[in-house]
Amino acid sequence: MSQALGASTKPPLHIEEAMPKLNTYLSKLVKSTDSGLQDIAVQEYSALVRTQKSRELFWNQRKETLTPLFDVLQAAAGSVKDTDSTPVNGGGSIRSIATDMSLAGGVSIQLLYHVLLVIWQLSFEGKMVGKGLDE
């Protein structure tokens, strides 16, 4: 899908019709409690928002697509009550601590990076998203 979007200046109609469905599916994965699924979905978002048209389609669904990304950011910042994760208390081995590196809310550093990458990619459309991102 991302290759088809980047292959031409105007994506084929079937790609434009499929994008909202794919964005909806990926947003459900981002809302998942499985951090692996979340990361896969956000990586796919990043691959998809490489073109102006795809960023526009993504932005048009921002309540569905962008809100879960900001929920991940809030969880990483500790703004959301976290009942599932436990802080590292120094009792684990170095290996378990290294593989469980996560911020508040159980958000991995990799997931946080990919969320910020997608938001950065959206910022290329400053006129379209500028005021909305401030909200």
Foldseek 3Di string as FASTA:
>chain_A
DLCQPPVDQDHDPVVLVCLVVLLLVLLVQLVDPDLVSVLVSLVVLLSQLQHPSSLVSCVVCCVSRVVSLVVLVCQLVVVDDADDDDDDPVPDDPVVCVVQDGGGNSHHPSSNVSSVSSVVSSCVPCVVCVVVVVD
